[in-house]
Amino acid sequence: MESGACAEKDRVVVTVLDPRFKYEIASEPGGENIKYCFQCGTCTSGCPVSELDSKYNPRRIIRMAILGMRERVLASDFIWLCSTCYTCYERCPQDVRITEVMNALKNMAVRAGYIHPAFRAQADLIGGHGRLYEVDEFTNEKRAELGLPTLPASSPEVAEIYGMTGLASLLSGKGA
């Protein structure tokens, strides 16, 4: 740690720890086995994502969750990096099911209002266009040449579903 700013960032303040956090995760579908983890590190040793990006360390994430570091876990971008390859799931001697725990943490993060920017952008595109890409005149002309029907530029049905499910207010930051 070279500067005071790094030291502050890495410091854990005991008063902000939530000892109930691990129980909340355990009550979430997929998070049932989190308390079985005894930090052996088998999950990290075979994880292809942790080899590419040191921010993603399943052992560290679960440790932080068990310690009760709610905000640090839910607000982080590292819980979104799991590739769901199931290598950790297959190798875990305690059957923690890390991939499912990561999904439980993602669900909790979304309910708390933390959505990874990539997923937010995808949801915005789907909400605006009904798909992940905008259909323009050129695309519809090519579809017509191939004998395919044209696609509408937007999908009001998707916007209606977003409104009914609360996703529209969550994406706009008005609901959490």
N, C-alpha and C. Protein backbone atom coordinates (compact mmCIF):
# COMPACT_ATOMS: atom_id res chain seq x y z
N MET A 1 0.84 -1.17 0.00
CA MET A 1 0.00 0.00 0.00
C MET A 1 0.88 1.23 0.00
N GLU A 2 0.78 2.00 -1.06
CA GLU A 2 1.66 3.13 -1.23
C GLU A 2 1.10 4.42 -0.66
N SER A 3 -0.19 4.60 -0.71
CA SER A 3 -0.74 5.88 -0.26
C SER A 3 -1.81 5.65 0.78
N GLY A 4 -2.16 6.73 1.46
CA GLY A 4 -3.21 6.67 2.46
C GLY A 4 -4.55 6.30 1.86
N ALA A 5 -4.78 6.71 0.61
CA ALA A 5 -6.06 6.40 -0.05
C ALA A 5 -6.23 4.90 -0.21
N CYS A 6 -5.15 4.20 -0.59
CA CYS A 6 -5.23 2.74 -0.72
C CYS A 6 -5.46 2.10 0.63
N ALA A 7 -4.80 2.62 1.65
CA ALA A 7 -4.95 2.05 2.98
C ALA A 7 -6.39 2.19 3.45
N GLU A 8 -7.02 3.36 3.19
CA GLU A 8 -8.42 3.56 3.57
C GLU A 8 -9.34 2.61 2.82
N LYS A 9 -9.08 2.41 1.54
CA LYS A 9 -9.92 1.55 0.72
C LYS A 9 -9.87 0.10 1.20
N ASP A 10 -8.71 -0.36 1.63
CA ASP A 10 -8.54 -1.74 2.04
C ASP A 10 -8.90 -2.00 3.50
N ARG A 11 -9.16 -0.97 4.24
CA ARG A 11 -9.48 -1.11 5.65
C ARG A 11 -10.90 -1.62 5.84
N VAL A 12 -11.10 -2.53 6.76
CA VAL A 12 -12.42 -3.06 7.07
C VAL A 12 -12.87 -2.44 8.38
N VAL A 13 -13.99 -1.75 8.35
CA VAL A 13 -14.55 -1.14 9.54
C VAL A 13 -15.56 -2.11 10.12
N VAL A 14 -15.28 -2.56 11.33
CA VAL A 14 -16.09 -3.61 11.95
C VAL A 14 -17.53 -3.17 12.15
N THR A 15 -17.78 -1.90 12.37
CA THR A 15 -19.14 -1.45 12.62
C THR A 15 -20.03 -1.53 11.38
N VAL A 16 -19.44 -1.63 10.19
CA VAL A 16 -20.26 -1.74 8.98
C VAL A 16 -20.47 -3.18 8.54
N LEU A 17 -19.95 -4.13 9.27
CA LEU A 17 -20.16 -5.54 8.96
C LEU A 17 -21.57 -5.96 9.39
N ASP A 18 -22.19 -6.78 8.57
CA ASP A 18 -23.54 -7.25 8.85
C ASP A 18 -23.48 -8.76 9.08
N PRO A 19 -23.51 -9.19 10.34
CA PRO A 19 -23.40 -10.63 10.62
C PRO A 19 -24.58 -11.45 10.09
N ARG A 20 -25.68 -10.81 9.72
CA ARG A 20 -26.85 -11.53 9.18
C ARG A 20 -26.74 -11.76 7.68
N PHE A 21 -25.77 -11.13 7.04
CA PHE A 21 -25.67 -11.20 5.59
C PHE A 21 -25.56 -12.63 5.09
N LYS A 22 -24.75 -13.45 5.73
CA LYS A 22 -24.59 -14.84 5.27
C LYS A 22 -25.89 -15.62 5.38
N TYR A 23 -26.72 -15.29 6.36
CA TYR A 23 -28.01 -15.96 6.50
C TYR A 23 -28.99 -15.51 5.42
N GLU A 24 -28.90 -14.23 5.04
CA GLU A 24 -29.73 -13.73 3.94
C GLU A 24 -29.35 -14.44 2.64
N ILE A 25 -28.05 -14.60 2.42
CA ILE A 25 -27.59 -15.30 1.22
C ILE A 25 -28.07 -16.75 1.25
N ALA A 26 -27.96 -17.38 2.42
CA ALA A 26 -28.37 -18.78 2.57
C ALA A 26 -29.87 -18.96 2.35
N SER A 27 -30.66 -17.92 2.60
CA SER A 27 -32.10 -18.03 2.39
C SER A 27 -32.49 -17.73 0.94
N GLU A 28 -31.54 -17.25 0.17
CA GLU A 28 -31.76 -16.94 -1.25
C GLU A 28 -31.62 -18.23 -2.07
N PRO A 29 -32.49 -18.47 -3.06
CA PRO A 29 -32.30 -19.67 -3.91
C PRO A 29 -30.91 -19.67 -4.55
N GLY A 30 -30.18 -20.75 -4.33
CA GLY A 30 -28.82 -20.88 -4.84
C GLY A 30 -27.76 -20.61 -3.80
N GLY A 31 -28.10 -19.90 -2.75
CA GLY A 31 -27.10 -19.54 -1.74
C GLY A 31 -27.12 -20.44 -0.51
N GLU A 32 -27.90 -21.50 -0.55
CA GLU A 32 -28.13 -22.35 0.62
C GLU A 32 -26.86 -22.89 1.27
N ASN A 33 -25.83 -23.20 0.48
CA ASN A 33 -24.65 -23.88 1.01
C ASN A 33 -23.48 -22.95 1.32
N ILE A 34 -23.69 -21.66 1.31
CA ILE A 34 -22.57 -20.73 1.50
C ILE A 34 -21.88 -20.92 2.84
N LYS A 35 -22.62 -21.29 3.87
CA LYS A 35 -22.02 -21.42 5.20
C LYS A 35 -21.14 -22.66 5.34
N TYR A 36 -21.18 -23.55 4.32
CA TYR A 36 -20.34 -24.75 4.36
C TYR A 36 -18.90 -24.48 3.94
N CYS A 37 -18.67 -23.33 3.34
CA CYS A 37 -17.34 -23.01 2.82
C CYS A 37 -16.33 -22.86 3.95
N PHE A 38 -15.23 -23.59 3.86
CA PHE A 38 -14.18 -23.43 4.87
C PHE A 38 -12.90 -22.85 4.27
N GLN A 39 -13.03 -22.15 3.13
CA GLN A 39 -11.96 -21.37 2.52
C GLN A 39 -10.75 -22.19 2.09
N CYS A 40 -10.99 -23.33 1.49
CA CYS A 40 -9.88 -24.18 1.05
C CYS A 40 -9.18 -23.63 -0.19
N GLY A 41 -9.90 -22.86 -1.01
CA GLY A 41 -9.31 -22.26 -2.20
C GLY A 41 -9.39 -23.11 -3.45
N THR A 42 -10.02 -24.27 -3.37
CA THR A 42 -10.15 -25.14 -4.54
C THR A 42 -10.92 -24.44 -5.65
N CYS A 43 -11.89 -23.64 -5.28
CA CYS A 43 -12.71 -22.93 -6.28
C CYS A 43 -11.86 -21.95 -7.09
N THR A 44 -10.95 -21.29 -6.45
CA THR A 44 -10.12 -20.29 -7.13
C THR A 44 -9.04 -20.94 -7.98
N SER A 45 -8.53 -22.08 -7.53
CA SER A 45 -7.42 -22.72 -8.24
C SER A 45 -7.79 -23.17 -9.65
N GLY A 46 -9.05 -23.50 -9.88
CA GLY A 46 -9.44 -23.96 -11.21
C GLY A 46 -10.26 -22.95 -11.98
N CYS A 47 -10.45 -21.77 -11.44
CA CYS A 47 -11.33 -20.78 -12.06
C CYS A 47 -10.64 -20.08 -13.24
N PRO A 48 -11.21 -20.21 -14.45
CA PRO A 48 -10.58 -19.55 -15.61
C PRO A 48 -10.68 -18.03 -15.54
N VAL A 49 -11.71 -17.50 -14.91
CA VAL A 49 -11.86 -16.05 -14.82
C VAL A 49 -10.82 -15.47 -13.87
N SER A 50 -10.56 -16.14 -12.74
CA SER A 50 -9.57 -15.62 -11.79
C SER A 50 -8.16 -15.65 -12.37
N GLU A 51 -7.92 -16.52 -13.35
CA GLU A 51 -6.62 -16.53 -14.01
C GLU A 51 -6.45 -15.29 -14.88
N LEU A 52 -7.55 -14.79 -15.44
CA LEU A 52 -7.50 -13.62 -16.32
C LEU A 52 -7.65 -12.30 -15.58
N ASP A 53 -8.42 -12.30 -14.50
CA ASP A 53 -8.69 -11.08 -13.76
C ASP A 53 -8.61 -11.36 -12.27
N SER A 54 -7.63 -10.79 -11.61
CA SER A 54 -7.42 -11.07 -10.19
C SER A 54 -8.53 -10.50 -9.31
N LYS A 55 -9.37 -9.59 -9.84
CA LYS A 55 -10.49 -9.07 -9.05
C LYS A 55 -11.50 -10.16 -8.74
N TYR A 56 -11.59 -11.16 -9.63
CA TYR A 56 -12.54 -12.24 -9.40
C TYR A 56 -11.83 -13.39 -8.70
N ASN A 57 -12.14 -13.55 -7.43
CA ASN A 57 -11.57 -14.61 -6.62
C ASN A 57 -12.72 -15.19 -5.80
N PRO A 58 -13.28 -16.32 -6.23
CA PRO A 58 -14.46 -16.87 -5.53
C PRO A 58 -14.24 -17.06 -4.03
N ARG A 59 -13.07 -17.49 -3.66
CA ARG A 59 -12.78 -17.71 -2.24
C ARG A 59 -12.87 -16.40 -1.47
N ARG A 60 -12.30 -15.33 -2.01
CA ARG A 60 -12.33 -14.03 -1.35
C ARG A 60 -13.75 -13.47 -1.30
N ILE A 61 -14.51 -13.65 -2.37
CA ILE A 61 -15.88 -13.14 -2.41
C ILE A 61 -16.73 -13.82 -1.34
N ILE A 62 -16.61 -15.14 -1.24
CA ILE A 62 -17.39 -15.87 -0.24
C ILE A 62 -16.93 -15.49 1.16
N ARG A 63 -15.64 -15.30 1.35
CA ARG A 63 -15.12 -14.88 2.66
C ARG A 63 -15.70 -13.52 3.05
N MET A 64 -15.71 -12.59 2.11
CA MET A 64 -16.27 -11.27 2.38
C MET A 64 -17.76 -11.37 2.72
N ALA A 65 -18.46 -12.24 2.01
CA ALA A 65 -19.89 -12.41 2.27
C ALA A 65 -20.13 -13.01 3.65
N ILE A 66 -19.35 -14.00 4.02
CA ILE A 66 -19.51 -14.63 5.33
C ILE A 66 -19.16 -13.65 6.46
N LEU A 67 -18.18 -12.79 6.22
CA LEU A 67 -17.82 -11.78 7.23
C LEU A 67 -18.88 -10.70 7.38
N GLY A 68 -19.75 -10.57 6.37
CA GLY A 68 -20.82 -9.58 6.46
C GLY A 68 -20.53 -8.28 5.75
N MET A 69 -19.67 -8.31 4.76
CA MET A 69 -19.31 -7.10 4.02
C MET A 69 -20.35 -6.86 2.90
N ARG A 70 -21.56 -6.65 3.30
CA ARG A 70 -22.71 -6.54 2.40
C ARG A 70 -22.48 -5.53 1.28
N GLU A 71 -22.25 -4.28 1.62
CA GLU A 71 -22.12 -3.23 0.61
C GLU A 71 -20.94 -3.48 -0.32
N ARG A 72 -19.84 -3.92 0.24
CA ARG A 72 -18.65 -4.15 -0.58
C ARG A 72 -18.88 -5.28 -1.58
N VAL A 73 -19.64 -6.29 -1.19
CA VAL A 73 -19.92 -7.41 -2.09
C VAL A 73 -20.98 -7.03 -3.12
N LEU A 74 -22.10 -6.50 -2.66
CA LEU A 74 -23.21 -6.22 -3.57
C LEU A 74 -22.92 -5.07 -4.54
N ALA A 75 -22.15 -4.09 -4.11
CA ALA A 75 -21.86 -2.93 -4.96
C ALA A 75 -20.67 -3.16 -5.88
N SER A 76 -19.99 -4.27 -5.73
CA SER A 76 -18.79 -4.53 -6.52
C SER A 76 -19.13 -5.04 -7.91
N ASP A 77 -18.17 -4.92 -8.80
CA ASP A 77 -18.38 -5.47 -10.13
C ASP A 77 -17.86 -6.90 -10.23
N PHE A 78 -17.12 -7.38 -9.23
CA PHE A 78 -16.54 -8.71 -9.36
C PHE A 78 -17.54 -9.85 -9.25
N ILE A 79 -18.69 -9.65 -8.63
CA ILE A 79 -19.67 -10.76 -8.58
C ILE A 79 -20.26 -11.03 -9.95
N TRP A 80 -20.17 -10.05 -10.86
CA TRP A 80 -20.73 -10.20 -12.20
C TRP A 80 -19.77 -10.89 -13.16
N LEU A 81 -18.56 -11.18 -12.73
CA LEU A 81 -17.54 -11.76 -13.62
C LEU A 81 -17.62 -13.27 -13.74
N CYS A 82 -18.38 -13.94 -12.92
CA CYS A 82 -18.49 -15.41 -12.97
C CYS A 82 -18.98 -15.84 -14.35
N SER A 83 -18.24 -16.76 -14.96
CA SER A 83 -18.59 -17.22 -16.31
C SER A 83 -19.52 -18.44 -16.28
N THR A 84 -19.91 -18.89 -15.11
CA THR A 84 -20.75 -20.07 -14.90
C THR A 84 -20.21 -21.29 -15.65
N CYS A 85 -18.91 -21.50 -15.52
CA CYS A 85 -18.30 -22.67 -16.16
C CYS A 85 -18.48 -23.93 -15.30
N TYR A 86 -18.83 -23.77 -14.04
CA TYR A 86 -19.08 -24.85 -13.09
C TYR A 86 -17.83 -25.63 -12.68
N THR A 87 -16.64 -25.13 -12.99
CA THR A 87 -15.42 -25.80 -12.54
C THR A 87 -15.35 -25.78 -11.01
N CYS A 88 -15.65 -24.64 -10.41
CA CYS A 88 -15.61 -24.53 -8.95
C CYS A 88 -16.68 -25.42 -8.32
N TYR A 89 -17.82 -25.47 -8.94
CA TYR A 89 -18.96 -26.26 -8.47
C TYR A 89 -18.57 -27.73 -8.39
N GLU A 90 -17.91 -28.22 -9.45
CA GLU A 90 -17.53 -29.63 -9.53
C GLU A 90 -16.41 -30.00 -8.58
N ARG A 91 -15.53 -29.06 -8.29
CA ARG A 91 -14.35 -29.36 -7.47
C ARG A 91 -14.53 -29.10 -5.99
N CYS A 92 -15.53 -28.37 -5.60
CA CYS A 92 -15.69 -27.98 -4.20
C CYS A 92 -15.92 -29.20 -3.31
N PRO A 93 -15.05 -29.42 -2.32
CA PRO A 93 -15.22 -30.58 -1.43
C PRO A 93 -16.39 -30.44 -0.46
N GLN A 94 -16.90 -29.24 -0.28
CA GLN A 94 -17.99 -29.01 0.65
C GLN A 94 -19.33 -28.80 -0.05
N ASP A 95 -19.36 -28.94 -1.38
CA ASP A 95 -20.59 -28.78 -2.17
C ASP A 95 -21.23 -27.40 -1.95
N VAL A 96 -20.37 -26.35 -1.97
CA VAL A 96 -20.86 -24.99 -1.75
C VAL A 96 -21.66 -24.48 -2.95
N ARG A 97 -21.37 -24.96 -4.14
CA ARG A 97 -22.07 -24.55 -5.36
C ARG A 97 -21.87 -23.05 -5.62
N ILE A 98 -20.61 -22.69 -5.78
CA ILE A 98 -20.21 -21.30 -5.91
C ILE A 98 -20.94 -20.58 -7.05
N THR A 99 -21.14 -21.24 -8.17
CA THR A 99 -21.83 -20.62 -9.29
C THR A 99 -23.23 -20.18 -8.89
N GLU A 100 -23.92 -21.01 -8.14
CA GLU A 100 -25.26 -20.67 -7.67
C GLU A 100 -25.21 -19.56 -6.62
N VAL A 101 -24.18 -19.57 -5.78
CA VAL A 101 -24.01 -18.50 -4.79
C VAL A 101 -23.80 -17.16 -5.51
N MET A 102 -23.01 -17.16 -6.58
CA MET A 102 -22.79 -15.93 -7.34
C MET A 102 -24.10 -15.44 -7.95
N ASN A 103 -24.93 -16.35 -8.44
CA ASN A 103 -26.24 -15.95 -8.97
C ASN A 103 -27.12 -15.37 -7.87
N ALA A 104 -27.07 -15.97 -6.68
CA ALA A 104 -27.84 -15.44 -5.55
C ALA A 104 -27.36 -14.03 -5.20
N LEU A 105 -26.04 -13.83 -5.19
CA LEU A 105 -25.49 -12.50 -4.90
C LEU A 105 -25.90 -11.48 -5.97
N LYS A 106 -25.90 -11.90 -7.23
CA LYS A 106 -26.33 -11.00 -8.32
C LYS A 106 -27.79 -10.61 -8.14
N ASN A 107 -28.64 -11.57 -7.78
CA ASN A 107 -30.06 -11.28 -7.56
C ASN A 107 -30.24 -10.30 -6.41
N MET A 108 -29.48 -10.51 -5.34
CA MET A 108 -29.54 -9.61 -4.20
C MET A 108 -29.04 -8.22 -4.58
N ALA A 109 -28.00 -8.17 -5.38
CA ALA A 109 -27.44 -6.88 -5.81
C ALA A 109 -28.46 -6.10 -6.64
N VAL A 110 -29.14 -6.79 -7.54
CA VAL A 110 -30.14 -6.11 -8.38
C VAL A 110 -31.28 -5.58 -7.51
N ARG A 111 -31.74 -6.37 -6.56
CA ARG A 111 -32.82 -5.90 -5.68
C ARG A 111 -32.37 -4.70 -4.84
N ALA A 112 -31.07 -4.64 -4.54
CA ALA A 112 -30.52 -3.51 -3.78
C ALA A 112 -30.22 -2.31 -4.68
N GLY A 113 -30.45 -2.46 -5.99
CA GLY A 113 -30.24 -1.35 -6.91
C GLY A 113 -28.89 -1.33 -7.59
N TYR A 114 -28.08 -2.37 -7.41
CA TYR A 114 -26.77 -2.43 -8.05
C TYR A 114 -26.86 -3.33 -9.28
N ILE A 115 -26.75 -2.73 -10.44
CA ILE A 115 -26.79 -3.50 -11.68
C ILE A 115 -25.51 -3.18 -12.44
N HIS A 116 -24.82 -4.20 -12.89
CA HIS A 116 -23.59 -3.99 -13.64
C HIS A 116 -23.91 -3.18 -14.89
N PRO A 117 -23.05 -2.23 -15.24
CA PRO A 117 -23.32 -1.38 -16.41
C PRO A 117 -23.58 -2.15 -17.71
N ALA A 118 -22.92 -3.29 -17.90
CA ALA A 118 -23.14 -4.06 -19.13
C ALA A 118 -24.57 -4.60 -19.17
N PHE A 119 -25.07 -5.09 -18.06
CA PHE A 119 -26.44 -5.61 -18.02
C PHE A 119 -27.45 -4.48 -18.09
N ARG A 120 -27.12 -3.35 -17.50
CA ARG A 120 -28.00 -2.18 -17.59
C ARG A 120 -28.13 -1.74 -19.05
N ALA A 121 -27.01 -1.71 -19.77
CA ALA A 121 -27.03 -1.32 -21.19
C ALA A 121 -27.85 -2.31 -22.02
N GLN A 122 -27.70 -3.61 -21.74
CA GLN A 122 -28.48 -4.61 -22.46
C GLN A 122 -29.97 -4.44 -22.17
N ALA A 123 -30.32 -4.23 -20.92
CA ALA A 123 -31.73 -4.07 -20.55
C ALA A 123 -32.30 -2.80 -21.18
N ASP A 124 -31.51 -1.73 -21.25
CA ASP A 124 -31.97 -0.50 -21.90
C ASP A 124 -32.24 -0.74 -23.38
N LEU A 125 -31.34 -1.46 -24.04
CA LEU A 125 -31.54 -1.76 -25.46
C LEU A 125 -32.79 -2.60 -25.69
N ILE A 126 -32.96 -3.62 -24.88
CA ILE A 126 -34.14 -4.48 -25.02
C ILE A 126 -35.41 -3.69 -24.73
N GLY A 127 -35.37 -2.84 -23.73
CA GLY A 127 -36.54 -2.02 -23.40
C GLY A 127 -36.89 -1.03 -24.49
N GLY A 128 -35.88 -0.47 -25.15
CA GLY A 128 -36.12 0.52 -26.19
C GLY A 128 -36.46 -0.05 -27.54
N HIS A 129 -35.84 -1.17 -27.88
CA HIS A 129 -36.00 -1.72 -29.22
C HIS A 129 -36.67 -3.09 -29.25
N GLY A 130 -36.79 -3.73 -28.09
CA GLY A 130 -37.36 -5.08 -28.06
C GLY A 130 -36.33 -6.14 -28.38
N ARG A 131 -35.08 -5.72 -28.59
CA ARG A 131 -33.98 -6.64 -28.91
C ARG A 131 -32.67 -5.94 -28.56
N LEU A 132 -31.56 -6.65 -28.70
CA LEU A 132 -30.26 -6.08 -28.32
C LEU A 132 -29.65 -5.17 -29.38
N TYR A 133 -30.30 -5.04 -30.52
CA TYR A 133 -29.78 -4.15 -31.56
C TYR A 133 -30.95 -3.42 -32.21
N GLU A 134 -30.66 -2.25 -32.71
CA GLU A 134 -31.69 -1.46 -33.37
C GLU A 134 -31.87 -1.94 -34.81
N VAL A 135 -33.09 -2.09 -35.22
CA VAL A 135 -33.38 -2.49 -36.60
C VAL A 135 -33.60 -1.21 -37.41
N ASP A 136 -32.78 -1.02 -38.44
CA ASP A 136 -32.92 0.16 -39.28
C ASP A 136 -33.50 -0.21 -40.64
N GLU A 137 -33.63 0.78 -41.52
CA GLU A 137 -34.20 0.54 -42.85
C GLU A 137 -33.38 -0.48 -43.64
N PHE A 138 -32.07 -0.35 -43.56
CA PHE A 138 -31.19 -1.24 -44.30
C PHE A 138 -31.43 -2.70 -43.91
N THR A 139 -31.53 -2.95 -42.62
CA THR A 139 -31.77 -4.31 -42.14
C THR A 139 -33.11 -4.83 -42.66
N ASN A 140 -34.14 -4.01 -42.61
CA ASN A 140 -35.46 -4.44 -43.09
C ASN A 140 -35.45 -4.66 -44.60
N GLU A 141 -34.68 -3.87 -45.34
CA GLU A 141 -34.57 -4.08 -46.79
C GLU A 141 -33.91 -5.43 -47.08
N LYS A 142 -32.85 -5.74 -46.33
CA LYS A 142 -32.17 -7.04 -46.51
C LYS A 142 -33.09 -8.18 -46.12
N ARG A 143 -33.87 -8.00 -45.09
CA ARG A 143 -34.83 -9.03 -44.70
C ARG A 143 -35.86 -9.24 -45.80
N ALA A 144 -36.33 -8.16 -46.39
CA ALA A 144 -37.32 -8.26 -47.47
C ALA A 144 -36.74 -8.99 -48.67
N GLU A 145 -35.47 -8.72 -48.99
CA GLU A 145 -34.82 -9.41 -50.11
C GLU A 145 -34.74 -10.92 -49.86
N LEU A 146 -34.63 -11.31 -48.61
CA LEU A 146 -34.54 -12.73 -48.26
C LEU A 146 -35.92 -13.35 -48.04
N GLY A 147 -36.96 -12.55 -48.22
CA GLY A 147 -38.31 -13.06 -48.05
C GLY A 147 -38.75 -13.12 -46.59
N LEU A 148 -38.08 -12.38 -45.73
CA LEU A 148 -38.42 -12.35 -44.31
C LEU A 148 -39.28 -11.14 -44.01
N PRO A 149 -40.14 -11.22 -43.03
CA PRO A 149 -40.97 -10.06 -42.69
C PRO A 149 -40.12 -8.94 -42.07
N THR A 150 -40.58 -7.71 -42.20
CA THR A 150 -39.87 -6.59 -41.59
C THR A 150 -40.10 -6.61 -40.09
N LEU A 151 -39.17 -6.02 -39.39
CA LEU A 151 -39.26 -5.94 -37.93
C LEU A 151 -39.57 -4.50 -37.52
N PRO A 152 -40.40 -4.32 -36.51
CA PRO A 152 -40.69 -2.96 -36.05
C PRO A 152 -39.46 -2.35 -35.36
N ALA A 153 -39.38 -1.03 -35.38
CA ALA A 153 -38.24 -0.33 -34.77
C ALA A 153 -38.28 -0.41 -33.25
N SER A 154 -39.46 -0.54 -32.68
CA SER A 154 -39.57 -0.64 -31.22
C SER A 154 -40.61 -1.69 -30.86
N SER A 155 -40.66 -2.00 -29.58
CA SER A 155 -41.61 -3.01 -29.11
C SER A 155 -42.32 -2.47 -27.87
N PRO A 156 -43.51 -1.92 -28.06
CA PRO A 156 -44.24 -1.39 -26.89
C PRO A 156 -44.60 -2.47 -25.88
N GLU A 157 -44.70 -3.71 -26.33
CA GLU A 157 -45.02 -4.81 -25.41
C GLU A 157 -43.90 -5.00 -24.37
N VAL A 158 -42.65 -4.88 -24.83
CA VAL A 158 -41.52 -5.03 -23.92
C VAL A 158 -41.53 -3.89 -22.91
N ALA A 159 -41.79 -2.67 -23.37
CA ALA A 159 -41.86 -1.52 -22.46
C ALA A 159 -42.97 -1.73 -21.43
N GLU A 160 -44.07 -2.31 -21.85
CA GLU A 160 -45.18 -2.58 -20.92
C GLU A 160 -44.77 -3.63 -19.88
N ILE A 161 -44.07 -4.67 -20.33
CA ILE A 161 -43.58 -5.69 -19.39
C ILE A 161 -42.59 -5.08 -18.41
N TYR A 162 -41.71 -4.22 -18.90
CA TYR A 162 -40.75 -3.53 -18.02
C TYR A 162 -41.49 -2.73 -16.95
N GLY A 163 -42.56 -2.06 -17.36
CA GLY A 163 -43.34 -1.27 -16.41
C GLY A 163 -44.06 -2.14 -15.39
N MET A 164 -44.65 -3.23 -15.86
CA MET A 164 -45.41 -4.12 -14.96
C MET A 164 -44.52 -4.83 -13.96
N THR A 165 -43.31 -5.19 -14.37
CA THR A 165 -42.41 -5.93 -13.48
C THR A 165 -41.57 -5.03 -12.58
N GLY A 166 -41.58 -3.72 -12.84
CA GLY A 166 -40.78 -2.81 -12.05
C GLY A 166 -39.38 -2.61 -12.58
N LEU A 167 -39.05 -3.28 -13.69
CA LEU A 167 -37.72 -3.16 -14.25
C LEU A 167 -37.46 -1.75 -14.78
N ALA A 168 -38.47 -1.10 -15.31
CA ALA A 168 -38.29 0.26 -15.83
C ALA A 168 -37.85 1.21 -14.72
N SER A 169 -38.50 1.16 -13.57
CA SER A 169 -38.12 2.05 -12.46
C SER A 169 -36.76 1.66 -11.87
N LEU A 170 -36.43 0.37 -11.87
CA LEU A 170 -35.14 -0.07 -11.37
C LEU A 170 -34.02 0.44 -12.28
N LEU A 171 -34.23 0.36 -13.58
CA LEU A 171 -33.22 0.83 -14.52
C LEU A 171 -33.06 2.34 -14.50
N SER A 172 -34.14 3.05 -14.21
CA SER A 172 -34.06 4.51 -14.16
C SER A 172 -33.49 4.99 -12.83
N GLY A 173 -33.34 4.07 -11.87
CA GLY A 173 -32.78 4.43 -10.57
C GLY A 173 -33.82 4.89 -9.58
N LYS A 174 -35.10 4.78 -9.92
CA LYS A 174 -36.17 5.24 -9.03
C LYS A 174 -36.66 4.17 -8.07
N GLY A 175 -36.28 2.93 -8.32
CA GLY A 175 -36.75 1.85 -7.44
C GLY A 175 -35.62 0.90 -7.14
N ALA A 176 -35.64 0.31 -5.99
CA ALA A 176 -34.61 -0.65 -5.63
C ALA A 176 -35.20 -1.70 -4.72
